[in-house]
Amino acid sequence: MGTGDKDDKEDKGDKEEMTNEWLSEIWATDTATETWEQKAREASLAETFRAEAFGITPENADQVIQRRSHLLKSIQPAFSQFCQTTLQVQPQAMLHTLWELWLPLAIKLASQRQKLGHPLIQGILGVQGTGKTTMSQGLTLILQQLGYRTITLSLDDLYKTYSDRLILTQQNPRLIWRGPPGTHDIDLGLNVLDQIHQSQSQVVVPRFDKSAYSSAGDRTTPEIVSDVDILLFEGWFVGVIPINPQAFDHPPAPILTDADREFARDMNRQLENYLPLWQRLDSLIVLYPTDYRCSLVWRKQAEQQMIASGKSGMSEQQIEEFVHYFWRSLHPELFIKPLVNSGQLVDLVIEINGDRSFGNIYSL
């Protein structure tokens, strides 16, 4: 790490600490002071790309801050309960993320929904550990406060049934875990997205129970929803498109053997079948790790926490085999990095740091 990188991280840490101080001030009081609003205004304009991504200008900054602070206060009881029961953290620990990311992003999505004239289908792409499920839950809470009926759909909810996946594994023994392309019911997903888009009065949304059949997983009781305004469709390869097969001639680790390369090519071909799903997306957000290898560290941390709480978990070797399996199927360096760099399909990028905090935010 260079000296400049270290200084940037220290500056960022100082800014976050100051932000948390004045956010805690408004969290604990009924109204925003003029000094508080001035600090918030300056901070909102300091990050140029983030301001641009959320449509903040010197001309509208005061109005943006007032609206956001009002929204912050209105969701305080529900957000406090969400932090304590779902995330099991104190609300103050999430204030920076709430103020700088979730609130402006929810307002942005609400604005998009208004302009569309039909339900918004928002894709969220993020590899394991980037926080896509947590962010979706937070956005749902805020959007409901804004008056928008919001539901989430995970790519996991579209898995084929347990019995169908048993047959699939017999046909293709390389599919040892659910997750890669080919293990989902694409027609089921298309049906759900089309019904949401058409504002049908009642939509049956599939749900998946990962604990069924000794954690092999199976479908569970679906959720029946109506009057949906916004659908948050999240998953580890939502929006990912096939790449040039020549990329597998000299791929990165852990794609090492001829068998690995053939498996990767097969998964790349399977992605073709998912393109109709991605075409239903109105917008795509990418939670982009600054180093994709962090997902392995994050998974190990999660397993250690599970074991510490008395639950069963995988050994370090099992975790590495599990994560490497997904990297061999759709390697982040081959699929997600080019997607972000191309700027063709992605609307918003949120960088995720090694400590799971968010970094740069920019639109494409």
Protein backbone atom coordinates (compact mmCIF):
# COMPACT_ATOMS: atom_id res chain seq x y z
CA MET A 1 0.00 0.00 0.00
CA GLY A 2 1.37 3.39 -0.96
CA THR A 3 1.47 6.39 1.37
CA GLY A 4 -1.22 8.11 -0.68
CA ASP A 5 -3.58 5.13 -0.31
CA LYS A 6 -3.02 5.12 3.45
CA ASP A 7 -3.71 8.86 3.68
CA ASP A 8 -6.91 8.46 1.64
CA LYS A 9 -8.14 5.74 4.01
CA GLU A 10 -7.33 7.87 7.06
CA ASP A 11 -9.13 10.89 5.52
CA LYS A 12 -12.12 8.69 4.75
CA GLY A 13 -12.16 7.38 8.30
CA ASP A 14 -12.01 10.91 9.72
CA LYS A 15 -14.90 12.01 7.47
CA GLU A 16 -17.02 9.06 8.52
CA GLU A 17 -16.33 9.75 12.18
CA MET A 18 -17.39 13.38 11.77
CA THR A 19 -20.47 12.33 9.81
CA ASN A 20 -21.47 9.91 12.56
CA GLU A 21 -21.11 12.69 15.15
CA TRP A 22 -23.60 15.02 13.51
CA LEU A 23 -25.87 12.18 12.45
CA SER A 24 -26.04 11.06 16.07
CA GLU A 25 -27.01 14.65 16.93
CA ILE A 26 -30.10 14.63 14.73
CA TRP A 27 -30.89 11.03 15.67
CA ALA A 28 -31.16 12.10 19.30
CA THR A 29 -33.10 15.35 18.72
CA ASP A 30 -36.37 16.35 17.10
CA THR A 31 -35.11 18.90 14.60
CA ALA A 32 -32.06 19.60 12.50
CA THR A 33 -30.13 22.70 13.46
CA GLU A 34 -28.86 25.18 10.90
CA THR A 35 -25.27 24.14 11.70
CA TRP A 36 -26.15 20.48 11.22
CA GLU A 37 -27.76 21.17 7.84
CA GLN A 38 -24.73 23.17 6.72
CA LYS A 39 -22.40 20.29 7.64
CA ALA A 40 -24.66 17.84 5.83
CA ARG A 41 -24.80 20.07 2.75
CA GLU A 42 -21.02 20.35 2.54
CA ALA A 43 -20.56 16.61 3.00
CA SER A 44 -23.13 15.77 0.33
CA LEU A 45 -21.26 17.82 -2.27
CA ALA A 46 -17.75 16.76 -1.21
CA GLU A 47 -17.92 13.36 -2.95
CA THR A 48 -18.34 14.49 -6.56
CA PHE A 49 -19.21 11.15 -8.17
CA ARG A 50 -21.58 10.21 -5.35
CA ALA A 51 -23.33 13.58 -5.62
CA GLU A 52 -23.70 13.09 -9.36
CA ALA A 53 -25.02 9.56 -8.91
CA PHE A 54 -27.74 10.78 -6.56
CA GLY A 55 -28.51 13.97 -8.50
CA ILE A 56 -27.20 16.40 -5.87
CA THR A 57 -26.12 19.86 -7.09
CA PRO A 58 -25.20 23.10 -5.30
CA GLU A 59 -28.59 24.40 -6.39
CA ASN A 60 -30.71 21.63 -4.88
CA ALA A 61 -28.45 20.50 -2.01
CA ASP A 62 -30.46 22.31 0.70
CA GLN A 63 -33.71 20.76 -0.50
CA VAL A 64 -32.07 17.31 -0.71
CA ILE A 65 -30.73 17.54 2.85
CA GLN A 66 -34.06 18.69 4.26
CA ARG A 67 -35.92 15.85 2.56
CA ARG A 68 -33.36 13.28 3.65
CA SER A 69 -33.29 14.49 7.27
CA HIS A 70 -37.10 14.40 7.40
CA LEU A 71 -37.04 10.84 6.06
CA LEU A 72 -34.33 9.91 8.58
CA LYS A 73 -36.55 10.99 11.44
CA SER A 74 -39.69 9.35 10.06
CA ILE A 75 -38.11 5.90 9.79
CA GLN A 76 -36.28 6.10 13.13
CA PRO A 77 -38.52 3.71 15.13
CA ALA A 78 -38.77 1.09 12.37
CA PHE A 79 -35.08 1.36 11.53
CA SER A 80 -34.04 1.00 15.16
CA GLN A 81 -36.07 -2.18 15.45
CA PHE A 82 -34.65 -3.48 12.16
CA CYS A 83 -31.06 -2.93 13.36
CA GLN A 84 -31.61 -4.55 16.72
CA THR A 85 -33.71 -7.55 15.64
CA THR A 86 -32.55 -8.32 12.10
CA LEU A 87 -28.98 -7.00 11.98
CA GLN A 88 -28.37 -7.35 15.74
CA VAL A 89 -26.42 -4.09 15.93
CA GLN A 90 -27.12 -0.73 17.52
CA PRO A 91 -28.78 1.77 15.12
CA GLN A 92 -25.90 4.24 15.54
CA ALA A 93 -23.55 1.69 13.96
CA MET A 94 -25.59 1.90 10.74
CA LEU A 95 -26.20 5.66 10.63
CA HIS A 96 -23.42 6.41 8.13
CA THR A 97 -24.62 3.70 5.73
CA LEU A 98 -28.22 4.81 6.17
CA TRP A 99 -27.51 8.49 5.51
CA GLU A 100 -24.90 8.23 2.77
CA LEU A 101 -26.26 5.22 0.87
CA TRP A 102 -29.64 3.74 1.73
CA LEU A 103 -31.64 6.97 2.08
CA PRO A 104 -30.43 8.66 -1.14
CA LEU A 105 -30.66 5.37 -3.03
CA ALA A 106 -34.24 4.79 -1.86
CA ILE A 107 -35.17 8.32 -2.94
CA LYS A 108 -33.52 7.68 -6.31
CA LEU A 109 -35.50 4.45 -6.79
CA ALA A 110 -38.73 6.17 -5.81
CA SER A 111 -38.06 8.86 -8.42
CA GLN A 112 -37.37 6.20 -11.06
CA ARG A 113 -40.65 4.48 -10.21
CA GLN A 114 -42.54 7.75 -10.66
CA LYS A 115 -41.00 8.37 -14.07
CA LEU A 116 -41.62 4.83 -15.37
CA GLY A 117 -45.36 4.74 -14.93
CA HIS A 118 -45.19 1.01 -14.16
CA PRO A 119 -43.55 -1.07 -11.39
CA LEU A 120 -39.77 -0.72 -11.21
CA ILE A 121 -37.77 -3.95 -11.51
CA GLN A 122 -34.42 -3.13 -9.95
CA GLY A 123 -31.57 -5.60 -10.33
CA ILE A 124 -28.90 -5.82 -7.62
CA LEU A 125 -25.72 -7.77 -8.44
CA GLY A 126 -23.30 -8.70 -5.70
CA VAL A 127 -21.00 -11.64 -5.02
CA GLN A 128 -21.13 -13.45 -1.69
CA GLY A 129 -20.72 -11.20 1.33
CA THR A 130 -21.24 -7.83 -0.36
CA GLY A 131 -24.42 -7.14 1.63
CA LYS A 132 -27.01 -7.26 -1.16
CA THR A 133 -29.64 -8.94 1.02
CA THR A 134 -29.12 -6.52 3.91
CA MET A 135 -29.27 -3.51 1.60
CA SER A 136 -32.44 -4.84 -0.02
CA GLN A 137 -34.05 -5.19 3.40
CA GLY A 138 -33.03 -1.65 4.36
CA LEU A 139 -34.28 -0.19 1.08
CA THR A 140 -37.59 -2.02 1.45
CA LEU A 141 -38.12 -0.47 4.88
CA ILE A 142 -37.37 3.06 3.61
CA LEU A 143 -39.39 2.74 0.40
CA GLN A 144 -42.41 1.53 2.32
CA GLN A 145 -42.11 4.63 4.50
CA LEU A 146 -42.15 6.67 1.27
CA GLY A 147 -45.37 4.93 0.27
CA TYR A 148 -44.03 2.41 -2.24
CA ARG A 149 -45.07 -1.24 -1.94
CA THR A 150 -41.68 -2.95 -2.25
CA ILE A 151 -40.80 -6.65 -2.28
CA THR A 152 -37.56 -8.55 -2.74
CA LEU A 153 -36.88 -11.52 -4.96
CA SER A 154 -33.61 -13.41 -4.68
CA LEU A 155 -32.10 -15.43 -7.49
CA ASP A 156 -32.14 -18.17 -4.83
CA ASP A 157 -35.95 -18.10 -4.85
CA LEU A 158 -35.84 -19.31 -8.46
CA TYR A 159 -33.94 -22.52 -7.77
CA LYS A 160 -35.33 -25.67 -9.31
CA THR A 161 -37.03 -28.01 -6.88
CA TYR A 162 -34.97 -30.45 -4.85
CA SER A 163 -36.14 -33.40 -6.95
CA ASP A 164 -35.38 -31.57 -10.21
CA ARG A 165 -31.89 -30.71 -8.97
CA LEU A 166 -31.27 -34.34 -8.08
CA ILE A 167 -32.01 -35.24 -11.70
CA LEU A 168 -29.85 -32.34 -12.86
CA THR A 169 -26.89 -33.57 -10.77
CA GLN A 170 -27.24 -37.03 -12.29
CA GLN A 171 -27.11 -35.44 -15.74
CA ASN A 172 -24.22 -33.13 -14.84
CA PRO A 173 -22.25 -34.40 -11.80
CA ARG A 174 -20.17 -31.20 -11.79
CA LEU A 175 -23.15 -29.30 -10.34
CA ILE A 176 -22.32 -30.43 -6.82
CA TRP A 177 -23.93 -27.33 -5.21
CA ARG A 178 -26.92 -25.25 -6.09
CA GLY A 179 -26.10 -21.77 -7.35
CA PRO A 180 -24.39 -21.82 -10.76
CA PRO A 181 -26.22 -21.13 -14.04
CA GLY A 182 -28.48 -24.04 -14.89
CA THR A 183 -29.80 -24.66 -11.37
CA HIS A 184 -32.65 -22.12 -11.66
CA ASP A 185 -36.16 -22.25 -13.11
CA ILE A 186 -35.89 -19.38 -15.59
CA ASP A 187 -39.49 -19.67 -16.81
CA LEU A 188 -40.68 -19.26 -13.22
CA GLY A 189 -38.64 -16.06 -12.93
CA LEU A 190 -39.91 -14.68 -16.24
CA ASN A 191 -43.48 -15.33 -15.16
CA VAL A 192 -43.00 -13.45 -11.87
CA LEU A 193 -41.22 -10.47 -13.44
CA ASP A 194 -43.78 -10.16 -16.23
CA GLN A 195 -46.70 -10.25 -13.80
CA ILE A 196 -45.04 -7.58 -11.64
CA HIS A 197 -44.36 -5.42 -14.70
CA GLN A 198 -47.97 -5.75 -15.84
CA SER A 199 -49.24 -4.74 -12.39
CA GLN A 200 -51.36 -7.86 -12.04
CA SER A 201 -53.63 -7.75 -9.01
CA GLN A 202 -52.09 -10.79 -7.36
CA VAL A 203 -48.67 -12.31 -7.96
CA VAL A 204 -47.42 -15.58 -6.52
CA VAL A 205 -43.76 -15.01 -5.56
CA PRO A 206 -41.69 -18.19 -5.05
CA ARG A 207 -39.66 -18.60 -1.86
CA PHE A 208 -36.80 -20.99 -1.12
CA ASP A 209 -35.94 -22.72 2.16
CA LYS A 210 -32.17 -23.30 2.29
CA SER A 211 -32.45 -25.52 5.36
CA ALA A 212 -34.65 -28.19 3.75
CA TYR A 213 -33.21 -31.64 2.98
CA SER A 214 -30.17 -31.19 5.23
CA SER A 215 -29.38 -27.76 3.73
CA ALA A 216 -29.76 -28.95 0.12
CA GLY A 217 -32.79 -26.66 0.05
CA ASP A 218 -36.19 -26.75 -1.60
CA ARG A 219 -39.10 -24.51 -2.42
CA THR A 220 -41.34 -23.50 0.43
CA THR A 221 -44.71 -21.75 0.71
CA PRO A 222 -44.82 -18.91 -1.85
CA GLU A 223 -45.74 -15.35 -0.96
CA ILE A 224 -48.83 -13.82 -2.54
CA VAL A 225 -48.39 -10.09 -3.14
CA SER A 226 -50.45 -7.33 -4.72
CA ASP A 227 -50.03 -3.72 -5.86
CA VAL A 228 -46.24 -3.95 -6.10
CA ASP A 229 -44.48 -0.67 -6.93
CA ILE A 230 -40.84 -1.79 -6.77
CA LEU A 231 -39.25 -5.23 -7.03
CA LEU A 232 -35.66 -5.61 -5.80
CA PHE A 233 -34.25 -8.61 -7.68
CA GLU A 234 -30.91 -9.56 -6.13
CA GLY A 235 -28.39 -12.32 -6.67
CA TRP A 236 -24.75 -13.23 -7.11
CA PHE A 237 -24.93 -13.12 -10.92
CA VAL A 238 -28.05 -11.05 -11.64
CA GLY A 239 -27.35 -9.16 -14.87
CA VAL A 240 -24.16 -11.08 -15.70
CA ILE A 241 -23.82 -11.79 -19.43
CA PRO A 242 -21.79 -14.35 -21.43
CA ILE A 243 -18.23 -13.43 -22.37
CA ASN A 244 -15.91 -14.35 -25.24
CA PRO A 245 -14.96 -18.06 -24.79
CA GLN A 246 -11.33 -17.15 -25.53
CA ALA A 247 -11.19 -15.70 -22.02
CA PHE A 248 -10.96 -19.28 -20.75
CA ASP A 249 -7.80 -20.06 -22.70
CA HIS A 250 -5.70 -18.49 -19.93
CA PRO A 251 -8.08 -17.90 -17.02
CA PRO A 252 -7.22 -16.86 -13.45
CA ALA A 253 -7.05 -19.31 -10.53
CA PRO A 254 -8.80 -21.44 -9.40
CA ILE A 255 -9.65 -22.31 -13.02
CA LEU A 256 -6.55 -24.46 -13.44
CA THR A 257 -7.22 -27.78 -15.17
CA ASP A 258 -8.74 -28.70 -18.51
CA ALA A 259 -11.81 -29.91 -16.62
CA ASP A 260 -12.04 -26.53 -14.83
CA ARG A 261 -11.89 -24.67 -18.13
CA GLU A 262 -14.56 -26.87 -19.69
CA PHE A 263 -16.83 -26.34 -16.68
CA ALA A 264 -16.33 -22.57 -16.93
CA ARG A 265 -17.14 -22.63 -20.65
CA ASP A 266 -20.31 -24.63 -19.97
CA MET A 267 -21.45 -22.13 -17.33
CA ASN A 268 -20.73 -19.30 -19.74
CA ARG A 269 -22.99 -20.97 -22.32
CA GLN A 270 -25.70 -21.45 -19.69
CA LEU A 271 -25.78 -17.68 -19.14
CA GLU A 272 -27.41 -17.30 -22.57
CA ASN A 273 -30.59 -18.76 -21.08
CA TYR A 274 -30.70 -16.03 -18.42
CA LEU A 275 -30.59 -13.09 -20.83
CA PRO A 276 -34.42 -12.85 -21.09
CA LEU A 277 -34.50 -12.41 -17.29
CA TRP A 278 -31.97 -9.59 -17.40
CA GLN A 279 -33.90 -7.91 -20.22
CA ARG A 280 -36.78 -7.45 -17.77
CA LEU A 281 -34.61 -5.28 -15.51
CA ASP A 282 -35.28 -1.54 -15.60
CA SER A 283 -31.98 -0.79 -13.88
CA LEU A 284 -28.94 -2.63 -12.50
CA ILE A 285 -26.90 -1.81 -9.40
CA VAL A 286 -23.57 -3.56 -8.81
CA LEU A 287 -22.09 -4.04 -5.33
CA TYR A 288 -18.49 -4.23 -6.48
CA PRO A 289 -15.77 -5.48 -4.10
CA THR A 290 -12.49 -3.63 -4.47
CA ASP A 291 -10.92 -7.12 -4.22
CA TYR A 292 -13.15 -10.08 -5.13
CA ARG A 293 -10.99 -12.35 -2.94
CA CYS A 294 -12.51 -10.66 0.10
CA SER A 295 -15.61 -12.83 -0.39
CA LEU A 296 -13.57 -15.81 0.80
CA VAL A 297 -12.50 -13.92 3.94
CA TRP A 298 -16.08 -12.78 4.55
CA ARG A 299 -17.42 -16.31 4.20
CA LYS A 300 -14.88 -17.59 6.72
CA GLN A 301 -15.84 -14.85 9.15
CA ALA A 302 -19.53 -15.72 8.77
CA GLU A 303 -18.87 -19.40 9.43
CA GLN A 304 -16.76 -18.59 12.49
CA GLN A 305 -19.58 -16.47 13.88
CA MET A 306 -22.07 -19.29 13.28
CA ILE A 307 -19.85 -21.80 15.07
CA ALA A 308 -19.28 -19.37 17.95
CA SER A 309 -23.06 -19.03 18.36
CA GLY A 310 -23.40 -22.79 18.71
CA LYS A 311 -24.53 -23.58 15.17
CA SER A 312 -22.79 -25.97 12.80
CA GLY A 313 -20.50 -24.57 10.16
CA MET A 314 -17.97 -25.52 7.52
CA SER A 315 -14.25 -25.99 8.12
CA GLU A 316 -11.81 -23.59 6.45
CA GLN A 317 -11.01 -26.21 3.80
CA GLN A 318 -14.71 -26.74 3.08
CA ILE A 319 -15.25 -22.99 2.81
CA GLU A 320 -12.39 -22.64 0.32
CA GLU A 321 -13.74 -25.52 -1.78
CA PHE A 322 -17.20 -23.95 -1.70
CA VAL A 323 -16.09 -20.43 -2.71
CA HIS A 324 -13.62 -21.69 -5.32
CA TYR A 325 -16.42 -23.74 -6.87
CA PHE A 326 -18.34 -20.52 -7.57
CA TRP A 327 -15.22 -18.77 -8.84
CA ARG A 328 -14.66 -21.63 -11.25
CA SER A 329 -18.21 -21.34 -12.54
CA LEU A 330 -18.39 -17.54 -12.99
CA HIS A 331 -15.10 -15.90 -12.05
CA PRO A 332 -15.58 -12.27 -10.84
CA GLU A 333 -12.50 -11.07 -12.73
CA LEU A 334 -13.88 -12.50 -15.97
CA PHE A 335 -17.54 -11.58 -15.61
CA ILE A 336 -18.18 -8.74 -13.15
CA LYS A 337 -15.14 -6.55 -13.71
CA PRO A 338 -15.74 -6.22 -17.50
CA LEU A 339 -19.44 -5.58 -16.85
CA VAL A 340 -18.59 -2.63 -14.60
CA ASN A 341 -15.86 -1.32 -16.89
CA SER A 342 -18.04 -1.46 -20.00
CA GLY A 343 -20.69 0.86 -18.56
CA GLN A 344 -23.28 -0.56 -20.96
CA LEU A 345 -25.69 -2.47 -18.73
CA VAL A 346 -24.89 -1.11 -15.25
CA ASP A 347 -26.53 2.06 -13.95
CA LEU A 348 -24.91 2.42 -10.54
CA VAL A 349 -21.74 1.00 -8.95
CA ILE A 350 -21.23 0.80 -5.19
CA GLU A 351 -17.70 -0.24 -4.26
CA ILE A 352 -17.37 -2.52 -1.23
CA ASN A 353 -14.18 -2.31 0.84
CA GLY A 354 -12.42 -5.18 2.57
CA ASP A 355 -14.08 -4.29 5.89
CA ARG A 356 -17.49 -4.44 4.15
CA SER A 357 -17.98 -0.69 4.32
CA PHE A 358 -18.97 1.01 1.09
CA GLY A 359 -16.50 3.15 -0.81
CA ASN A 360 -16.94 5.07 -4.04
CA ILE A 361 -20.42 5.33 -5.52
CA TYR A 362 -20.81 6.34 -9.14
CA SER A 363 -23.26 6.11 -12.02
CA LEU A 364 -22.35 4.81 -15.48
